[in-house]
Amino acid sequence: GDRHIDFISIREQFDTSSPMGRAMMYIASVFSQLERETIAERIRDNMH
């Protein structure tokens, strides 16, 4: 953003060129990390 380079995710239809697009992308990234952490935790528990 500081260098005026837009970021576009076509699957979620997010575009950082708009304020709403930036806000929705941050929210989606939280759930993306949650999914990764949940998968890793489930695998660890199963292997244990």
ModelCIF file with pLDDT and N, C-alpha, C, O atoms, coordinates in Angstrom:
data_MODEL
#
_entry.id   MODEL 
#
_entity.id                         1 
_entity.type                       polymer 
_entity.pdbx_number_of_molecules   1 
#
_entity_poly.entity_id                      1 
_entity_poly.type                           'polypeptide(L)' 
_entity_poly.nstd_linkage                   no 
_entity_poly.nstd_monomer                   no 
_entity_poly.pdbx_seq_one_letter_code       GDRHIDFISIREQFDTSSPMGRAMMYIASVFSQLERETIAERIRDNMH 
_entity_poly.pdbx_seq_one_letter_code_can   GDRHIDFISIREQFDTSSPMGRAMMYIASVFSQLERETIAERIRDNMH 
_entity_poly.pdbx_strand_id                 A 
#
loop_
_entity_poly_seq.entity_id 
_entity_poly_seq.num 
_entity_poly_seq.mon_id 
_entity_poly_seq.hetero 
1 1  GLY n 
1 2  ASP n 
1 3  ARG n 
1 4  HIS n 
1 5  ILE n 
1 6  ASP n 
1 7  PHE n 
1 8  ILE n 
1 9  SER n 
1 10 ILE n 
1 11 ARG n 
1 12 GLU n 
1 13 GLN n 
1 14 PHE n 
1 15 ASP n 
1 16 THR n 
1 17 SER n 
1 18 SER n 
1 19 PRO n 
1 20 MET n 
1 21 GLY n 
1 22 ARG n 
1 23 ALA n 
1 24 MET n 
1 25 MET n 
1 26 TYR n 
1 27 ILE n 
1 28 ALA n 
1 29 SER n 
1 30 VAL n 
1 31 PHE n 
1 32 SER n 
1 33 GLN n 
1 34 LEU n 
1 35 GLU n 
1 36 ARG n 
1 37 GLU n 
1 38 THR n 
1 39 ILE n 
1 40 ALA n 
1 41 GLU n 
1 42 ARG n 
1 43 ILE n 
1 44 ARG n 
1 45 ASP n 
1 46 ASN n 
1 47 MET n 
1 48 HIS n 
#
_struct_asym.id          A 
_struct_asym.entity_id   1 
#
loop_
_ma_qa_metric.id 
_ma_qa_metric.mode 
_ma_qa_metric.name 
_ma_qa_metric.software_group_id 
_ma_qa_metric.type 
1 global pLDDT . pLDDT 
2 local  pLDDT . pLDDT 
#
_ma_qa_metric_global.metric_id      1 
_ma_qa_metric_global.metric_value   75.02 
_ma_qa_metric_global.model_id       1 
_ma_qa_metric_global.ordinal_id     1 
#
loop_
_ma_qa_metric_local.label_asym_id 
_ma_qa_metric_local.label_comp_id 
_ma_qa_metric_local.label_seq_id 
_ma_qa_metric_local.metric_id 
_ma_qa_metric_local.metric_value 
_ma_qa_metric_local.model_id 
_ma_qa_metric_local.ordinal_id 
A GLY 1  2 83.00 1 1  
A ASP 2  2 85.00 1 2  
A ARG 3  2 89.00 1 3  
A HIS 4  2 89.00 1 4  
A ILE 5  2 91.00 1 5  
A ASP 6  2 88.00 1 6  
A PHE 7  2 88.00 1 7  
A ILE 8  2 88.00 1 8  
A SER 9  2 86.00 1 9  
A ILE 10 2 89.00 1 10 
A ARG 11 2 85.00 1 11 
A GLU 12 2 76.00 1 12 
A GLN 13 2 74.00 1 13 
A PHE 14 2 69.00 1 14 
A ASP 15 2 68.00 1 15 
A THR 16 2 67.00 1 16 
A SER 17 2 68.00 1 17 
A SER 18 2 70.00 1 18 
A PRO 19 2 74.00 1 19 
A MET 20 2 73.00 1 20 
A GLY 21 2 70.00 1 21 
A ARG 22 2 69.00 1 22 
A ALA 23 2 73.00 1 23 
A MET 24 2 71.00 1 24 
A MET 25 2 68.00 1 25 
A TYR 26 2 69.00 1 26 
A ILE 27 2 73.00 1 27 
A ALA 28 2 65.00 1 28 
A SER 29 2 65.00 1 29 
A VAL 30 2 70.00 1 30 
A PHE 31 2 66.00 1 31 
A SER 32 2 64.00 1 32 
A GLN 33 2 67.00 1 33 
A LEU 34 2 70.00 1 34 
A GLU 35 2 69.00 1 35 
A ARG 36 2 65.00 1 36 
A GLU 37 2 73.00 1 37 
A THR 38 2 77.00 1 38 
A ILE 39 2 73.00 1 39 
A ALA 40 2 72.00 1 40 
A GLU 41 2 79.00 1 41 
A ARG 42 2 77.00 1 42 
A ILE 43 2 76.00 1 43 
A ARG 44 2 77.00 1 44 
A ASP 45 2 77.00 1 45 
A ASN 46 2 77.00 1 46 
A MET 47 2 74.00 1 47 
A HIS 48 2 75.00 1 48 
#
loop_
_atom_site.group_PDB 
_atom_site.id 
_atom_site.type_symbol 
_atom_site.label_atom_id 
_atom_site.label_alt_id 
_atom_site.label_comp_id 
_atom_site.label_asym_id 
_atom_site.label_entity_id 
_atom_site.label_seq_id 
_atom_site.pdbx_PDB_ins_code 
_atom_site.Cartn_x 
_atom_site.Cartn_y 
_atom_site.Cartn_z 
_atom_site.occupancy 
_atom_site.B_iso_or_equiv 
_atom_site.pdbx_formal_charge 
_atom_site.auth_seq_id 
_atom_site.auth_comp_id 
_atom_site.auth_asym_id 
_atom_site.auth_atom_id 
_atom_site.pdbx_PDB_model_num 
ATOM 1   N N  . GLY A 1 1  ? 0.815   -1.218  0.000  1.00 83.00 ? 1  GLY A N  1 
ATOM 2   C CA . GLY A 1 1  ? 0.000   0.000   0.000  1.00 83.00 ? 1  GLY A CA 1 
ATOM 3   C C  . GLY A 1 1  ? 0.842   1.258   0.000  1.00 83.00 ? 1  GLY A C  1 
ATOM 4   O O  . GLY A 1 1  ? 0.511   2.233   -0.674 1.00 83.00 ? 1  GLY A O  1 
ATOM 5   N N  . ASP A 1 2  ? 1.944   1.239   0.764  1.00 85.00 ? 2  ASP A N  1 
ATOM 6   C CA . ASP A 1 2  ? 2.832   2.408   0.821  1.00 85.00 ? 2  ASP A CA 1 
ATOM 7   C C  . ASP A 1 2  ? 3.441   2.705   -0.544 1.00 85.00 ? 2  ASP A C  1 
ATOM 8   O O  . ASP A 1 2  ? 3.770   3.850   -0.855 1.00 85.00 ? 2  ASP A O  1 
ATOM 9   N N  . ARG A 1 3  ? 3.588   1.647   -1.362 1.00 89.00 ? 3  ARG A N  1 
ATOM 10  C CA . ARG A 1 3  ? 4.192   1.819   -2.690 1.00 89.00 ? 3  ARG A CA 1 
ATOM 11  C C  . ARG A 1 3  ? 3.148   1.792   -3.800 1.00 89.00 ? 3  ARG A C  1 
ATOM 12  O O  . ARG A 1 3  ? 3.477   1.670   -4.980 1.00 89.00 ? 3  ARG A O  1 
ATOM 13  N N  . HIS A 1 4  ? 1.881   1.907   -3.401 1.00 89.00 ? 4  HIS A N  1 
ATOM 14  C CA . HIS A 1 4  ? 0.759   1.998   -4.356 1.00 89.00 ? 4  HIS A CA 1 
ATOM 15  C C  . HIS A 1 4  ? 0.693   0.780   -5.287 1.00 89.00 ? 4  HIS A C  1 
ATOM 16  O O  . HIS A 1 4  ? 0.427   0.905   -6.482 1.00 89.00 ? 4  HIS A O  1 
ATOM 17  N N  . ILE A 1 5  ? 0.938   -0.388  -4.712 1.00 91.00 ? 5  ILE A N  1 
ATOM 18  C CA . ILE A 1 5  ? 0.797   -1.643  -5.457 1.00 91.00 ? 5  ILE A CA 1 
ATOM 19  C C  . ILE A 1 5  ? -0.442  -2.361  -4.931 1.00 91.00 ? 5  ILE A C  1 
ATOM 20  O O  . ILE A 1 5  ? -0.506  -2.710  -3.752 1.00 91.00 ? 5  ILE A O  1 
ATOM 21  N N  . ASP A 1 6  ? -1.413  -2.580  -5.792 1.00 88.00 ? 6  ASP A N  1 
ATOM 22  C CA . ASP A 1 6  ? -2.644  -3.243  -5.378 1.00 88.00 ? 6  ASP A CA 1 
ATOM 23  C C  . ASP A 1 6  ? -2.408  -4.745  -5.214 1.00 88.00 ? 6  ASP A C  1 
ATOM 24  O O  . ASP A 1 6  ? -1.524  -5.327  -5.842 1.00 88.00 ? 6  ASP A O  1 
ATOM 25  N N  . PHE A 1 7  ? -3.224  -5.354  -4.353 1.00 88.00 ? 7  PHE A N  1 
ATOM 26  C CA . PHE A 1 7  ? -3.179  -6.801  -4.156 1.00 88.00 ? 7  PHE A CA 1 
ATOM 27  C C  . PHE A 1 7  ? -4.569  -7.353  -4.441 1.00 88.00 ? 7  PHE A C  1 
ATOM 28  O O  . PHE A 1 7  ? -5.555  -6.894  -3.865 1.00 88.00 ? 7  PHE A O  1 
ATOM 29  N N  . ILE A 1 8  ? -4.644  -8.345  -5.337 1.00 88.00 ? 8  ILE A N  1 
ATOM 30  C CA . ILE A 1 8  ? -5.940  -8.872  -5.777 1.00 88.00 ? 8  ILE A CA 1 
ATOM 31  C C  . ILE A 1 8  ? -5.974  -10.382 -5.592 1.00 88.00 ? 8  ILE A C  1 
ATOM 32  O O  . ILE A 1 8  ? -5.081  -11.098 -6.045 1.00 88.00 ? 8  ILE A O  1 
ATOM 33  N N  . SER A 1 9  ? -7.022  -10.857 -4.918 1.00 86.00 ? 9  SER A N  1 
ATOM 34  C CA . SER A 1 9  ? -7.266  -12.289 -4.777 1.00 86.00 ? 9  SER A CA 1 
ATOM 35  C C  . SER A 1 9  ? -8.537  -12.611 -5.554 1.00 86.00 ? 9  SER A C  1 
ATOM 36  O O  . SER A 1 9  ? -9.625  -12.171 -5.182 1.00 86.00 ? 9  SER A O  1 
ATOM 37  N N  . ILE A 1 10 ? -8.398  -13.380 -6.634 1.00 89.00 ? 10 ILE A N  1 
ATOM 38  C CA . ILE A 1 10 ? -9.545  -13.552 -7.541 1.00 89.00 ? 10 ILE A CA 1 
ATOM 39  C C  . ILE A 1 10 ? -10.594 -14.510 -6.991 1.00 89.00 ? 10 ILE A C  1 
ATOM 40  O O  . ILE A 1 10 ? -11.775 -14.366 -7.309 1.00 89.00 ? 10 ILE A O  1 
ATOM 41  N N  . ARG A 1 11 ? -10.196 -15.485 -6.175 1.00 85.00 ? 11 ARG A N  1 
ATOM 42  C CA . ARG A 1 11 ? -11.168 -16.447 -5.643 1.00 85.00 ? 11 ARG A CA 1 
ATOM 43  C C  . ARG A 1 11 ? -12.152 -15.767 -4.694 1.00 85.00 ? 11 ARG A C  1 
ATOM 44  O O  . ARG A 1 11 ? -13.362 -15.978 -4.777 1.00 85.00 ? 11 ARG A O  1 
ATOM 45  N N  . GLU A 1 12 ? -11.611 -14.946 -3.790 1.00 76.00 ? 12 GLU A N  1 
ATOM 46  C CA . GLU A 1 12 ? -12.474 -14.245 -2.834 1.00 76.00 ? 12 GLU A CA 1 
ATOM 47  C C  . GLU A 1 12 ? -12.993 -12.912 -3.376 1.00 76.00 ? 12 GLU A C  1 
ATOM 48  O O  . GLU A 1 12 ? -13.813 -12.255 -2.735 1.00 76.00 ? 12 GLU A O  1 
ATOM 49  N N  . GLN A 1 13 ? -12.509 -12.512 -4.566 1.00 74.00 ? 13 GLN A N  1 
ATOM 50  C CA . GLN A 1 13 ? -12.910 -11.235 -5.158 1.00 74.00 ? 13 GLN A CA 1 
ATOM 51  C C  . GLN A 1 13 ? -12.543 -10.058 -4.260 1.00 74.00 ? 13 GLN A C  1 
ATOM 52  O O  . GLN A 1 13 ? -13.333 -9.130  -4.091 1.00 74.00 ? 13 GLN A O  1 
ATOM 53  N N  . PHE A 1 14 ? -11.328 -10.099 -3.677 1.00 69.00 ? 14 PHE A N  1 
ATOM 54  C CA . PHE A 1 14 ? -10.833 -9.015  -2.844 1.00 69.00 ? 14 PHE A CA 1 
ATOM 55  C C  . PHE A 1 14 ? -9.850  -8.168  -3.635 1.00 69.00 ? 14 PHE A C  1 
ATOM 56  O O  . PHE A 1 14 ? -9.030  -8.687  -4.392 1.00 69.00 ? 14 PHE A O  1 
ATOM 57  N N  . ASP A 1 15 ? -9.946  -6.857  -3.447 1.00 68.00 ? 15 ASP A N  1 
ATOM 58  C CA . ASP A 1 15 ? -9.078  -5.930  -4.159 1.00 68.00 ? 15 ASP A CA 1 
ATOM 59  C C  . ASP A 1 15 ? -8.704  -4.813  -3.197 1.00 68.00 ? 15 ASP A C  1 
ATOM 60  O O  . ASP A 1 15 ? -9.584  -4.089  -2.731 1.00 68.00 ? 15 ASP A O  1 
ATOM 61  N N  . THR A 1 16 ? -7.417  -4.654  -2.885 1.00 67.00 ? 16 THR A N  1 
ATOM 62  C CA . THR A 1 16 ? -6.984  -3.648  -1.914 1.00 67.00 ? 16 THR A CA 1 
ATOM 63  C C  . THR A 1 16 ? -7.022  -2.227  -2.456 1.00 67.00 ? 16 THR A C  1 
ATOM 64  O O  . THR A 1 16 ? -6.641  -1.285  -1.760 1.00 67.00 ? 16 THR A O  1 
ATOM 65  N N  . SER A 1 17 ? -7.473  -2.069  -3.676 1.00 68.00 ? 17 SER A N  1 
ATOM 66  C CA . SER A 1 17 ? -7.571  -0.711  -4.209 1.00 68.00 ? 17 SER A CA 1 
ATOM 67  C C  . SER A 1 17 ? -8.743  0.051   -3.588 1.00 68.00 ? 17 SER A C  1 
ATOM 68  O O  . SER A 1 17 ? -8.862  1.263   -3.771 1.00 68.00 ? 17 SER A O  1 
ATOM 69  N N  . SER A 1 18 ? -9.614  -0.659  -2.850 1.00 70.00 ? 18 SER A N  1 
ATOM 70  C CA . SER A 1 18 ? -10.741 -0.005  -2.178 1.00 70.00 ? 18 SER A CA 1 
ATOM 71  C C  . SER A 1 18 ? -10.667 -0.266  -0.676 1.00 70.00 ? 18 SER A C  1 
ATOM 72  O O  . SER A 1 18 ? -10.173 -1.317  -0.270 1.00 70.00 ? 18 SER A O  1 
ATOM 73  N N  . PRO A 1 19 ? -11.150 0.673   0.174  1.00 74.00 ? 19 PRO A N  1 
ATOM 74  C CA . PRO A 1 19 ? -11.104 0.482   1.632  1.00 74.00 ? 19 PRO A CA 1 
ATOM 75  C C  . PRO A 1 19 ? -11.855 -0.770  2.076  1.00 74.00 ? 19 PRO A C  1 
ATOM 76  O O  . PRO A 1 19 ? -11.372 -1.489  2.952  1.00 74.00 ? 19 PRO A O  1 
ATOM 77  N N  . MET A 1 20 ? -13.011 -1.048  1.501  1.00 73.00 ? 20 MET A N  1 
ATOM 78  C CA . MET A 1 20 ? -13.780 -2.231  1.861  1.00 73.00 ? 20 MET A CA 1 
ATOM 79  C C  . MET A 1 20 ? -13.030 -3.502  1.480  1.00 73.00 ? 20 MET A C  1 
ATOM 80  O O  . MET A 1 20 ? -13.043 -4.486  2.219  1.00 73.00 ? 20 MET A O  1 
ATOM 81  N N  . GLY A 1 21 ? -12.386 -3.471  0.335  1.00 70.00 ? 21 GLY A N  1 
ATOM 82  C CA . GLY A 1 21 ? -11.603 -4.625  -0.092 1.00 70.00 ? 21 GLY A CA 1 
ATOM 83  C C  . GLY A 1 21 ? -10.467 -4.922  0.873  1.00 70.00 ? 21 GLY A C  1 
ATOM 84  O O  . GLY A 1 21 ? -10.192 -6.083  1.175  1.00 70.00 ? 21 GLY A O  1 
ATOM 85  N N  . ARG A 1 22 ? -9.804  -3.869  1.359  1.00 69.00 ? 22 ARG A N  1 
ATOM 86  C CA . ARG A 1 22 ? -8.711  -4.060  2.322  1.00 69.00 ? 22 ARG A CA 1 
ATOM 87  C C  . ARG A 1 22 ? -9.230  -4.639  3.635  1.00 69.00 ? 22 ARG A C  1 
ATOM 88  O O  . ARG A 1 22 ? -8.621  -5.540  4.212  1.00 69.00 ? 22 ARG A O  1 
ATOM 89  N N  . ALA A 1 23 ? -10.360 -4.111  4.098  1.00 73.00 ? 23 ALA A N  1 
ATOM 90  C CA . ALA A 1 23 ? -10.928 -4.583  5.363  1.00 73.00 ? 23 ALA A CA 1 
ATOM 91  C C  . ALA A 1 23 ? -11.334 -6.052  5.273  1.00 73.00 ? 23 ALA A C  1 
ATOM 92  O O  . ALA A 1 23 ? -11.028 -6.834  6.173  1.00 73.00 ? 23 ALA A O  1 
ATOM 93  N N  . MET A 1 24 ? -12.013 -6.429  4.206  1.00 71.00 ? 24 MET A N  1 
ATOM 94  C CA . MET A 1 24 ? -12.464 -7.808  4.038  1.00 71.00 ? 24 MET A CA 1 
ATOM 95  C C  . MET A 1 24 ? -11.280 -8.763  3.885  1.00 71.00 ? 24 MET A C  1 
ATOM 96  O O  . MET A 1 24 ? -11.355 -9.913  4.317  1.00 71.00 ? 24 MET A O  1 
ATOM 97  N N  . MET A 1 25 ? -10.196 -8.300  3.278  1.00 68.00 ? 25 MET A N  1 
ATOM 98  C CA . MET A 1 25 ? -9.037  -9.153  3.089  1.00 68.00 ? 25 MET A CA 1 
ATOM 99  C C  . MET A 1 25 ? -8.352  -9.435  4.423  1.00 68.00 ? 25 MET A C  1 
ATOM 100 O O  . MET A 1 25 ? -7.880  -10.549 4.649  1.00 68.00 ? 25 MET A O  1 
ATOM 101 N N  . TYR A 1 26 ? -8.292  -8.453  5.298  1.00 69.00 ? 26 TYR A N  1 
ATOM 102 C CA . TYR A 1 26 ? -7.714  -8.681  6.622  1.00 69.00 ? 26 TYR A CA 1 
ATOM 103 C C  . TYR A 1 26 ? -8.546  -9.699  7.403  1.00 69.00 ? 26 TYR A C  1 
ATOM 104 O O  . TYR A 1 26 ? -7.997  -10.573 8.074  1.00 69.00 ? 26 TYR A O  1 
ATOM 105 N N  . ILE A 1 27 ? -9.865  -9.584  7.313  1.00 73.00 ? 27 ILE A N  1 
ATOM 106 C CA . ILE A 1 27 ? -10.747 -10.522 8.016  1.00 73.00 ? 27 ILE A CA 1 
ATOM 107 C C  . ILE A 1 27 ? -10.543 -11.940 7.493  1.00 73.00 ? 27 ILE A C  1 
ATOM 108 O O  . ILE A 1 27 ? -10.461 -12.891 8.272  1.00 73.00 ? 27 ILE A O  1 
ATOM 109 N N  . ALA A 1 28 ? -10.461 -12.078 6.167  1.00 65.00 ? 28 ALA A N  1 
ATOM 110 C CA . ALA A 1 28 ? -10.285 -13.399 5.565  1.00 65.00 ? 28 ALA A CA 1 
ATOM 111 C C  . ALA A 1 28 ? -8.937  -14.004 5.946  1.00 65.00 ? 28 ALA A C  1 
ATOM 112 O O  . ALA A 1 28 ? -8.831  -15.218 6.118  1.00 65.00 ? 28 ALA A O  1 
ATOM 113 N N  . SER A 1 29 ? -7.901  -13.166 6.080  1.00 65.00 ? 29 SER A N  1 
ATOM 114 C CA . SER A 1 29 ? -6.579  -13.683 6.420  1.00 65.00 ? 29 SER A CA 1 
ATOM 115 C C  . SER A 1 29 ? -6.553  -14.251 7.837  1.00 65.00 ? 29 SER A C  1 
ATOM 116 O O  . SER A 1 29 ? -5.796  -15.179 8.124  1.00 65.00 ? 29 SER A O  1 
ATOM 117 N N  . VAL A 1 30 ? -7.386  -13.690 8.730  1.00 70.00 ? 30 VAL A N  1 
ATOM 118 C CA . VAL A 1 30 ? -7.484  -14.220 10.094 1.00 70.00 ? 30 VAL A CA 1 
ATOM 119 C C  . VAL A 1 30 ? -8.007  -15.653 10.061 1.00 70.00 ? 30 VAL A C  1 
ATOM 120 O O  . VAL A 1 30 ? -7.484  -16.533 10.744 1.00 70.00 ? 30 VAL A O  1 
ATOM 121 N N  . PHE A 1 31 ? -9.055  -15.874 9.253  1.00 66.00 ? 31 PHE A N  1 
ATOM 122 C CA . PHE A 1 31 ? -9.619  -17.217 9.157  1.00 66.00 ? 31 PHE A CA 1 
ATOM 123 C C  . PHE A 1 31 ? -8.671  -18.177 8.441  1.00 66.00 ? 31 PHE A C  1 
ATOM 124 O O  . PHE A 1 31 ? -8.677  -19.376 8.722  1.00 66.00 ? 31 PHE A O  1 
ATOM 125 N N  . SER A 1 32 ? -7.861  -17.664 7.526  1.00 64.00 ? 32 SER A N  1 
ATOM 126 C CA . SER A 1 32 ? -6.878  -18.504 6.851  1.00 64.00 ? 32 SER A CA 1 
ATOM 127 C C  . SER A 1 32 ? -5.849  -19.026 7.842  1.00 64.00 ? 32 SER A C  1 
ATOM 128 O O  . SER A 1 32 ? -5.478  -20.199 7.799  1.00 64.00 ? 32 SER A O  1 
ATOM 129 N N  . GLN A 1 33 ? -5.382  -18.141 8.748  1.00 67.00 ? 33 GLN A N  1 
ATOM 130 C CA . GLN A 1 33 ? -4.432  -18.582 9.763  1.00 67.00 ? 33 GLN A CA 1 
ATOM 131 C C  . GLN A 1 33 ? -5.105  -19.539 10.738 1.00 67.00 ? 33 GLN A C  1 
ATOM 132 O O  . GLN A 1 33 ? -4.487  -20.512 11.170 1.00 67.00 ? 33 GLN A O  1 
ATOM 133 N N  . LEU A 1 34 ? -6.366  -19.277 11.093 1.00 70.00 ? 34 LEU A N  1 
ATOM 134 C CA . LEU A 1 34 ? -7.095  -20.159 12.000 1.00 70.00 ? 34 LEU A CA 1 
ATOM 135 C C  . LEU A 1 34 ? -7.202  -21.564 11.413 1.00 70.00 ? 34 LEU A C  1 
ATOM 136 O O  . LEU A 1 34 ? -7.036  -22.555 12.125 1.00 70.00 ? 34 LEU A O  1 
ATOM 137 N N  . GLU A 1 35 ? -7.480  -21.644 10.115 1.00 69.00 ? 35 GLU A N  1 
ATOM 138 C CA . GLU A 1 35 ? -7.586  -22.943 9.456  1.00 69.00 ? 35 GLU A CA 1 
ATOM 139 C C  . GLU A 1 35 ? -6.260  -23.689 9.532  1.00 69.00 ? 35 GLU A C  1 
ATOM 140 O O  . GLU A 1 35 ? -6.231  -24.881 9.835  1.00 69.00 ? 35 GLU A O  1 
ATOM 141 N N  . ARG A 1 36 ? -5.161  -22.986 9.257  1.00 65.00 ? 36 ARG A N  1 
ATOM 142 C CA . ARG A 1 36 ? -3.834  -23.609 9.290  1.00 65.00 ? 36 ARG A CA 1 
ATOM 143 C C  . ARG A 1 36 ? -3.509  -24.124 10.686 1.00 65.00 ? 36 ARG A C  1 
ATOM 144 O O  . ARG A 1 36 ? -3.021  -25.243 10.841 1.00 65.00 ? 36 ARG A O  1 
ATOM 145 N N  . GLU A 1 37 ? -3.780  -23.307 11.703 1.00 73.00 ? 37 GLU A N  1 
ATOM 146 C CA . GLU A 1 37 ? -3.476  -23.699 13.072 1.00 73.00 ? 37 GLU A CA 1 
ATOM 147 C C  . GLU A 1 37 ? -4.334  -24.895 13.509 1.00 73.00 ? 37 GLU A C  1 
ATOM 148 O O  . GLU A 1 37 ? -3.852  -25.785 14.209 1.00 73.00 ? 37 GLU A O  1 
ATOM 149 N N  . THR A 1 38 ? -5.604  -24.907 13.092 1.00 77.00 ? 38 THR A N  1 
ATOM 150 C CA . THR A 1 38 ? -6.501  -26.007 13.447 1.00 77.00 ? 38 THR A CA 1 
ATOM 151 C C  . THR A 1 38 ? -6.040  -27.316 12.821 1.00 77.00 ? 38 THR A C  1 
ATOM 152 O O  . THR A 1 38 ? -6.057  -28.360 13.474 1.00 77.00 ? 38 THR A O  1 
ATOM 153 N N  . ILE A 1 39 ? -5.624  -27.263 11.547 1.00 73.00 ? 39 ILE A N  1 
ATOM 154 C CA . ILE A 1 39 ? -5.136  -28.466 10.861 1.00 73.00 ? 39 ILE A CA 1 
ATOM 155 C C  . ILE A 1 39 ? -3.889  -29.001 11.554 1.00 73.00 ? 39 ILE A C  1 
ATOM 156 O O  . ILE A 1 39 ? -3.783  -30.200 11.809 1.00 73.00 ? 39 ILE A O  1 
ATOM 157 N N  . ALA A 1 40 ? -2.935  -28.103 11.863 1.00 72.00 ? 40 ALA A N  1 
ATOM 158 C CA . ALA A 1 40 ? -1.695  -28.522 12.512 1.00 72.00 ? 40 ALA A CA 1 
ATOM 159 C C  . ALA A 1 40 ? -1.973  -29.119 13.887 1.00 72.00 ? 40 ALA A C  1 
ATOM 160 O O  . ALA A 1 40 ? -1.357  -30.114 14.269 1.00 72.00 ? 40 ALA A O  1 
ATOM 161 N N  . GLU A 1 41 ? -2.899  -28.515 14.633 1.00 79.00 ? 41 GLU A N  1 
ATOM 162 C CA . GLU A 1 41 ? -3.232  -29.020 15.971 1.00 79.00 ? 41 GLU A CA 1 
ATOM 163 C C  . GLU A 1 41 ? -3.875  -30.398 15.890 1.00 79.00 ? 41 GLU A C  1 
ATOM 164 O O  . GLU A 1 41 ? -3.562  -31.281 16.688 1.00 79.00 ? 41 GLU A O  1 
ATOM 165 N N  . ARG A 1 42 ? -4.770  -30.581 14.933 1.00 77.00 ? 42 ARG A N  1 
ATOM 166 C CA . ARG A 1 42 ? -5.444  -31.874 14.778 1.00 77.00 ? 42 ARG A CA 1 
ATOM 167 C C  . ARG A 1 42 ? -4.449  -32.966 14.394 1.00 77.00 ? 42 ARG A C  1 
ATOM 168 O O  . ARG A 1 42 ? -4.534  -34.085 14.901 1.00 77.00 ? 42 ARG A O  1 
ATOM 169 N N  . ILE A 1 43 ? -3.511  -32.652 13.506 1.00 76.00 ? 43 ILE A N  1 
ATOM 170 C CA . ILE A 1 43 ? -2.510  -33.633 13.093 1.00 76.00 ? 43 ILE A CA 1 
ATOM 171 C C  . ILE A 1 43 ? -1.613  -34.001 14.266 1.00 76.00 ? 43 ILE A C  1 
ATOM 172 O O  . ILE A 1 43 ? -1.316  -35.177 14.478 1.00 76.00 ? 43 ILE A O  1 
ATOM 173 N N  . ARG A 1 44 ? -1.178  -32.998 15.033 1.00 77.00 ? 44 ARG A N  1 
ATOM 174 C CA . ARG A 1 44 ? -0.329  -33.267 16.201 1.00 77.00 ? 44 ARG A CA 1 
ATOM 175 C C  . ARG A 1 44 ? -1.022  -34.181 17.199 1.00 77.00 ? 44 ARG A C  1 
ATOM 176 O O  . ARG A 1 44 ? -0.423  -35.127 17.711 1.00 77.00 ? 44 ARG A O  1 
ATOM 177 N N  . ASP A 1 45 ? -2.311  -33.886 17.476 1.00 77.00 ? 45 ASP A N  1 
ATOM 178 C CA . ASP A 1 45 ? -3.064  -34.698 18.427 1.00 77.00 ? 45 ASP A CA 1 
ATOM 179 C C  . ASP A 1 45 ? -3.207  -36.135 17.938 1.00 77.00 ? 45 ASP A C  1 
ATOM 180 O O  . ASP A 1 45 ? -3.050  -37.081 18.710 1.00 77.00 ? 45 ASP A O  1 
ATOM 181 N N  . ASN A 1 46 ? -3.508  -36.291 16.646 1.00 77.00 ? 46 ASN A N  1 
ATOM 182 C CA . ASN A 1 46 ? -3.670  -37.634 16.085 1.00 77.00 ? 46 ASN A CA 1 
ATOM 183 C C  . ASN A 1 46 ? -2.365  -38.423 16.141 1.00 77.00 ? 46 ASN A C  1 
ATOM 184 O O  . ASN A 1 46 ? -2.359  -39.601 16.499 1.00 77.00 ? 46 ASN A O  1 
ATOM 185 N N  . MET A 1 47 ? -1.258  -37.765 15.784 1.00 74.00 ? 47 MET A N  1 
ATOM 186 C CA . MET A 1 47 ? 0.030   -38.446 15.797 1.00 74.00 ? 47 MET A CA 1 
ATOM 187 C C  . MET A 1 47 ? 0.452   -38.796 17.219 1.00 74.00 ? 47 MET A C  1 
ATOM 188 O O  . MET A 1 47 ? 1.081   -39.830 17.444 1.00 74.00 ? 47 MET A O  1 
ATOM 189 N N  . HIS A 1 48 ? 0.110   -37.941 18.179 1.00 75.00 ? 48 HIS A N  1 
ATOM 190 C CA . HIS A 1 48 ? 0.430   -38.219 19.575 1.00 75.00 ? 48 HIS A CA 1 
ATOM 191 C C  . HIS A 1 48 ? -0.316  -39.462 20.053 1.00 75.00 ? 48 HIS A C  1 
ATOM 192 O O  . HIS A 1 48 ? -0.175  -39.859 21.210 1.00 75.00 ? 48 HIS A O  1 
#
